[in-house]
Amino acid sequence: MREIKFRGFGKDLKQWRFGSLLVDDDPSHIEHDIRIVGFRGTVRVEPQSVGQFTGCLDRDGKEIYEGDILEICNGSINSCPLMSRITVKWNSFMAGFNIPAFSANSDSTHWYRIIGNTWETEENKK
C-alpha cells in the first residue's frame, strides 16, 4: 500500500509540516481552515503551500512532493547530460504525477533531484 501524506507551510512557526490533510469547508464558517494533522497535533497551514507526497524519492533520498521543482537528467549523448527542469504537478488525464518513469536510482545518467519548490519563492517568503 502506498503512503498517503501531505506537507504544508505552517502559519505558526513558518516551517514545513507533514501528515494528513484536514480541510474545514463548512459553509457556515466565515474562514475555511486547512490543517496538517501530525503526531504532535494539528497545525494551520498556508492553503497554497499544500502538496501531496508522490511516493518517489530523488537521487539524494528526499521525498518528492507536489509543487517541488526537479532537475532531471534523462541520459546523455556523447557524455553531455540531457538536463531539464519540471515542477511536480498532478495530471488528471494520466491519473498521476508528471514525474519521469525511470527510477531515481536507475543509473548514473538517469536521475532527478529536488532543487526547490513553488512555495519557497521570494514573493511567498514575505
Protein backbone atom coordinates (compact mmCIF):
# COMPACT_ATOMS: atom_id res chain seq x y z
CA MET A 1 0.00 0.00 0.00
CA ARG A 2 1.34 3.43 -0.88
CA GLU A 3 1.87 6.05 1.78
CA ILE A 4 -0.57 8.97 1.54
CA LYS A 5 0.66 12.10 3.28
CA PHE A 6 0.85 15.81 2.72
CA ARG A 7 3.02 18.75 3.60
CA GLY A 8 2.09 22.36 4.16
CA PHE A 9 3.88 25.50 5.30
CA GLY A 10 2.78 26.17 8.88
CA LYS A 11 1.32 29.56 9.76
CA ASP A 12 2.62 29.25 13.32
CA LEU A 13 6.36 28.55 13.17
CA LYS A 14 6.80 29.24 9.43
CA GLN A 15 8.19 25.80 8.65
CA TRP A 16 7.09 22.69 6.75
CA ARG A 17 4.62 20.38 8.49
CA PHE A 18 3.97 16.78 7.39
CA GLY A 19 0.99 14.48 7.96
CA SER A 20 -2.63 14.01 6.96
CA LEU A 21 -4.69 16.76 5.36
CA LEU A 22 -7.74 18.18 7.15
CA VAL A 23 -9.94 20.64 5.25
CA ASP A 24 -12.71 22.56 7.04
CA ASP A 25 -15.12 23.52 4.29
CA ASP A 26 -18.21 24.02 6.44
CA PRO A 27 -20.31 26.67 4.63
CA SER A 28 -21.34 28.19 7.97
CA HIS A 29 -17.73 29.18 8.75
CA ILE A 30 -16.52 32.56 7.55
CA GLU A 31 -12.92 31.43 7.02
CA HIS A 32 -12.15 27.95 5.75
CA ASP A 33 -9.30 26.22 7.51
CA ILE A 34 -6.70 23.86 6.09
CA ARG A 35 -4.61 21.91 8.56
CA ILE A 36 -1.95 19.22 8.61
CA VAL A 37 -2.53 16.57 11.27
CA GLY A 38 0.68 15.02 12.55
CA PHE A 39 1.74 13.04 15.58
CA ARG A 40 2.20 16.30 17.54
CA GLY A 41 -1.24 17.66 16.82
CA THR A 42 -2.96 19.83 14.24
CA VAL A 43 -1.35 22.86 12.60
CA ARG A 44 -2.91 25.53 10.36
CA VAL A 45 -1.06 25.82 7.04
CA GLU A 46 -1.00 28.17 4.07
CA PRO A 47 -3.53 26.68 1.60
CA GLN A 48 -1.37 27.40 -1.48
CA SER A 49 1.58 25.52 0.00
CA VAL A 50 -0.16 22.15 0.43
CA GLY A 51 1.23 19.32 -1.68
CA GLN A 52 0.80 15.55 -1.68
CA PHE A 53 3.69 13.07 -1.37
CA THR A 54 4.27 11.44 -4.77
CA GLY A 55 5.67 8.18 -3.41
CA CYS A 56 9.00 8.90 -5.14
CA LEU A 57 12.41 9.83 -3.77
CA ASP A 58 15.05 11.90 -5.52
CA ARG A 59 18.65 10.76 -6.03
CA ASP A 60 19.56 12.07 -2.56
CA GLY A 61 16.75 10.10 -0.87
CA LYS A 62 14.46 13.12 -0.27
CA GLU A 63 10.70 12.67 -0.56
CA ILE A 64 9.21 14.39 -3.62
CA TYR A 65 6.01 16.40 -3.07
CA GLU A 66 3.61 18.13 -5.41
CA GLY A 67 5.00 21.62 -6.06
CA ASP A 68 8.66 20.58 -5.91
CA ILE A 69 10.94 21.72 -8.72
CA LEU A 70 13.08 18.89 -10.05
CA GLU A 71 16.30 18.96 -12.03
CA ILE A 72 16.23 15.94 -14.34
CA CYS A 73 19.00 14.13 -16.18
CA ASN A 74 17.42 11.92 -18.85
CA GLY A 75 20.56 10.21 -20.14
CA SER A 76 23.44 11.66 -22.12
CA ILE A 77 24.70 11.99 -25.67
CA ASN A 78 28.48 11.90 -26.20
CA SER A 79 28.96 12.36 -22.44
CA CYS A 80 26.81 15.53 -22.45
CA PRO A 81 23.91 15.11 -19.99
CA LEU A 82 20.37 15.82 -21.22
CA MET A 83 19.14 18.17 -18.48
CA SER A 84 15.72 19.70 -17.91
CA ARG A 85 13.53 21.02 -15.09
CA ILE A 86 9.92 20.35 -14.18
CA THR A 87 7.52 21.40 -11.46
CA VAL A 88 5.77 18.37 -9.97
CA LYS A 89 2.03 18.55 -10.69
CA TRP A 90 -0.93 16.19 -10.66
CA ASN A 91 -2.04 15.16 -14.16
CA SER A 92 -5.77 14.32 -14.04
CA PHE A 93 -5.78 12.81 -17.53
CA MET A 94 -2.99 10.36 -16.65
CA ALA A 95 -4.19 9.97 -13.04
CA GLY A 96 -0.70 10.50 -11.68
CA PHE A 97 2.13 12.96 -11.11
CA ASN A 98 4.23 14.19 -14.04
CA ILE A 99 7.48 12.64 -12.76
CA PRO A 100 9.58 10.71 -15.31
CA ALA A 101 9.01 6.95 -15.28
CA PHE A 102 12.62 5.93 -14.67
CA SER A 103 13.78 5.16 -11.14
CA ALA A 104 15.66 7.88 -9.29
CA ASN A 105 18.49 5.41 -8.71
CA SER A 106 18.39 3.55 -12.06
CA ASP A 107 21.88 4.55 -13.24
CA SER A 108 24.32 7.43 -13.35
CA THR A 109 22.72 9.00 -16.45
CA HIS A 110 19.03 8.96 -15.41
CA TRP A 111 18.11 10.76 -12.20
CA TYR A 112 16.16 13.62 -10.64
CA ARG A 113 16.95 15.94 -7.74
CA ILE A 114 14.85 18.47 -5.82
CA ILE A 115 16.22 21.97 -6.36
CA GLY A 116 13.36 23.95 -4.78
CA ASN A 117 9.60 24.26 -4.67
CA THR A 118 6.96 26.67 -5.85
CA TRP A 119 6.06 27.86 -2.36
CA GLU A 120 9.55 28.94 -1.27
CA THR A 121 9.97 31.61 -3.91
CA GLU A 122 10.94 35.15 -2.95
CA GLU A 123 7.37 36.50 -3.21
CA ASN A 124 5.94 33.84 -0.87
CA LYS A 125 8.66 34.26 1.76
CA LYS A 126 7.49 37.81 2.53
